[in-house]
Amino acid sequence: MKPISTQTRITSLLLALLTTSVVLGATVIGMQADAESQPMLLVLERMTTKASAVQ
């Protein structure tokens, strides 16, 4: 096996740190509440069904 050069290791480390910061930043931004966003309200209506008479 060929040993991995120091330059390759440093580049890999920097790319890993960049990727981590982008993912964490996007997660934090996605979790921020907008001023325009309101909680979703789900309304369920009560419905009654009756079976027809069997003859």
C-alpha atoms as a PDB file:
ATOM      1  CA  MET A   1       0.000   0.000   0.000  1.00  0.00           C
ATOM      2  CA  LYS A   2       1.064   3.527  -0.724  1.00  0.00           C
ATOM      3  CA  PRO A   3       1.181   5.876   2.265  1.00  0.00           C
ATOM      4  CA  ILE A   4      -1.206   8.813   2.143  1.00  0.00           C
ATOM      5  CA  SER A   5       0.537  12.164   1.769  1.00  0.00           C
ATOM      6  CA  THR A   6       0.216  14.904   4.356  1.00  0.00           C
ATOM      7  CA  GLN A   7      -1.327  17.264   1.817  1.00  0.00           C
ATOM      8  CA  THR A   8      -4.093  14.751   1.086  1.00  0.00           C
ATOM      9  CA  ARG A   9      -4.798  14.299   4.796  1.00  0.00           C
ATOM     10  CA  ILE A  10      -5.005  18.047   5.421  1.00  0.00           C
ATOM     11  CA  THR A  11      -7.261  18.538   2.395  1.00  0.00           C
ATOM     12  CA  SER A  12      -9.542  15.729   3.566  1.00  0.00           C
ATOM     13  CA  LEU A  13      -9.728  17.226   7.049  1.00  0.00           C
ATOM     14  CA  LEU A  14     -10.588  20.682   5.702  1.00  0.00           C
ATOM     15  CA  LEU A  15     -13.278  19.293   3.398  1.00  0.00           C
ATOM     16  CA  ALA A  16     -14.761  17.290   6.291  1.00  0.00           C
ATOM     17  CA  LEU A  17     -14.878  20.414   8.474  1.00  0.00           C
ATOM     18  CA  LEU A  18     -16.461  22.418   5.658  1.00  0.00           C
ATOM     19  CA  THR A  19     -19.087  19.748   5.047  1.00  0.00           C
ATOM     20  CA  THR A  20     -19.881  19.496   8.756  1.00  0.00           C
ATOM     21  CA  SER A  21     -20.290  23.247   9.129  1.00  0.00           C
ATOM     22  CA  VAL A  22     -22.559  23.445   6.064  1.00  0.00           C
ATOM     23  CA  VAL A  23     -24.803  20.631   7.316  1.00  0.00           C
ATOM     24  CA  LEU A  24     -25.011  22.014  10.853  1.00  0.00           C
ATOM     25  CA  GLY A  25     -25.625  25.536   9.577  1.00  0.00           C
ATOM     26  CA  ALA A  26     -28.417  24.363   7.299  1.00  0.00           C
ATOM     27  CA  THR A  27     -29.967  22.459  10.195  1.00  0.00           C
ATOM     28  CA  VAL A  28     -29.906  25.503  12.468  1.00  0.00           C
ATOM     29  CA  ILE A  29     -31.324  27.760   9.762  1.00  0.00           C
ATOM     30  CA  GLY A  30     -34.055  25.224   9.034  1.00  0.00           C
ATOM     31  CA  MET A  31     -35.049  25.114  12.695  1.00  0.00           C
ATOM     32  CA  GLN A  32     -35.428  28.889  13.019  1.00  0.00           C
ATOM     33  CA  ALA A  33     -39.034  30.082  13.180  1.00  0.00           C
ATOM     34  CA  ASP A  34     -40.058  32.608  10.557  1.00  0.00           C
ATOM     35  CA  ALA A  35     -42.099  35.647  11.523  1.00  0.00           C
ATOM     36  CA  GLU A  36     -44.656  34.664   8.915  1.00  0.00           C
ATOM     37  CA  SER A  37     -44.915  31.027   9.872  1.00  0.00           C
ATOM     38  CA  GLN A  38     -47.783  30.033  12.095  1.00  0.00           C
ATOM     39  CA  PRO A  39     -48.448  26.689  13.705  1.00  0.00           C
ATOM     40  CA  MET A  40     -50.400  24.361  11.488  1.00  0.00           C
ATOM     41  CA  LEU A  41     -53.961  23.836  12.644  1.00  0.00           C
ATOM     42  CA  LEU A  42     -55.692  20.624  11.752  1.00  0.00           C
ATOM     43  CA  VAL A  43     -59.446  20.525  12.129  1.00  0.00           C
ATOM     44  CA  LEU A  44     -61.263  17.237  12.138  1.00  0.00           C
ATOM     45  CA  GLU A  45     -64.999  17.118  11.641  1.00  0.00           C
ATOM     46  CA  ARG A  46     -67.166  14.565  13.346  1.00  0.00           C
ATOM     47  CA  MET A  47     -69.004  12.425  10.856  1.00  0.00           C
ATOM     48  CA  THR A  48     -71.655   9.856  11.645  1.00  0.00           C
ATOM     49  CA  THR A  49     -72.604   7.157   9.191  1.00  0.00           C
ATOM     50  CA  LYS A  50     -75.489   4.752   9.466  1.00  0.00           C
ATOM     51  CA  ALA A  51     -75.729   1.468   7.686  1.00  0.00           C
ATOM     52  CA  SER A  52     -78.792   1.016   5.503  1.00  0.00           C
ATOM     53  CA  ALA A  53     -81.322  -1.582   6.548  1.00  0.00           C
ATOM     54  CA  VAL A  54     -80.770  -5.011   5.049  1.00  0.00           C
ATOM     55  CA  GLN A  55     -83.963  -6.620   3.748  1.00  0.00           C
END
